[in-house]
């Protein structure tokens, strides 16, 4: 009987960036970010684009560490 061996190539890894647009989302942006964190996506980056919010969206975003916020004044 002969033995056949094969090598399995490693699974390629992918960079994952989650981009979240926000405009006056103080009531929901926290839950949105937390759901991304809880989803187990292992995102390399979470970027929130705050598009001229006039509510407390920015204050909510300040509570999260490790996310990138782009503010459109």
Protein backbone atom coordinates (compact mmCIF):
# COMPACT_ATOMS: atom_id res chain seq x y z
CA UNK A 1 0.00 0.00 0.00
CA UNK A 2 1.36 3.44 -0.87
CA UNK A 3 0.86 6.53 1.22
CA UNK A 4 0.01 9.77 -0.49
CA UNK A 5 0.76 12.97 1.33
CA UNK A 6 -0.46 16.37 0.36
CA UNK A 7 0.34 19.70 1.79
CA UNK A 8 -2.43 22.08 2.62
CA UNK A 9 -1.68 25.67 1.85
CA UNK A 10 -2.56 28.13 4.59
CA UNK A 11 -5.83 29.98 4.34
CA UNK A 12 -5.18 33.47 3.04
CA UNK A 13 -5.89 36.24 5.47
CA UNK A 14 -7.79 39.36 4.55
CA UNK A 15 -7.72 42.81 6.01
CA UNK A 16 -11.15 43.88 7.19
CA UNK A 17 -12.14 47.51 7.60
CA UNK A 18 -15.63 48.41 8.73
CA UNK A 19 -16.79 51.89 7.69
CA UNK A 20 -19.82 53.37 9.45
CA UNK A 21 -21.35 56.63 8.22
CA UNK A 22 -23.10 58.69 10.88
CA UNK A 23 -25.25 61.81 10.92
CA UNK A 24 -27.01 62.70 14.18
CA UNK A 25 -26.88 59.09 15.40
CA UNK A 26 -26.31 59.62 19.11
CA UNK A 27 -29.10 57.18 19.99
CA UNK A 28 -27.88 54.28 17.83
CA UNK A 29 -24.18 54.70 17.02
CA UNK A 30 -23.05 53.09 20.28
CA UNK A 31 -25.10 49.96 19.64
CA UNK A 32 -23.89 49.87 16.05
CA UNK A 33 -20.23 49.95 17.02
CA UNK A 34 -20.76 47.45 19.82
CA UNK A 35 -22.49 45.04 17.44
CA UNK A 36 -19.47 45.19 15.11
CA UNK A 37 -17.17 44.48 18.05
CA UNK A 38 -19.38 41.62 19.27
CA UNK A 39 -19.75 40.04 15.82
CA UNK A 40 -16.28 38.52 15.96
CA UNK A 41 -15.25 39.95 12.61
CA UNK A 42 -11.75 40.64 13.90
CA UNK A 43 -11.83 43.90 11.99
CA UNK A 44 -8.44 45.50 11.52
CA UNK A 45 -10.08 48.92 11.61
CA UNK A 46 -13.41 50.43 12.49
CA UNK A 47 -13.84 53.85 10.89
CA UNK A 48 -16.78 56.11 11.70
CA UNK A 49 -17.42 59.07 9.44
CA UNK A 50 -19.28 61.72 11.42
CA UNK A 51 -20.93 63.88 8.76
CA UNK A 52 -21.59 67.22 10.49
CA UNK A 53 -23.65 65.81 13.36
CA UNK A 54 -25.23 68.49 15.53
CA UNK A 55 -26.25 66.14 18.33
CA UNK A 56 -24.04 64.20 20.77
CA UNK A 57 -22.80 61.62 18.25
CA UNK A 58 -19.22 62.76 18.83
CA UNK A 59 -19.56 62.32 22.60
CA UNK A 60 -20.74 58.75 22.13
CA UNK A 61 -17.86 58.03 19.76
CA UNK A 62 -15.39 59.35 22.33
CA UNK A 63 -16.40 56.50 24.67
CA UNK A 64 -14.91 53.90 22.32
CA UNK A 65 -11.19 53.28 22.10
CA UNK A 66 -9.53 51.82 19.06
CA UNK A 67 -11.91 53.27 16.48
CA UNK A 68 -10.95 55.90 13.95
CA UNK A 69 -13.30 58.87 13.66
CA UNK A 70 -13.31 61.16 10.64
CA UNK A 71 -15.28 64.32 11.35
CA UNK A 72 -16.67 66.39 8.54
CA UNK A 73 -17.00 69.86 10.06
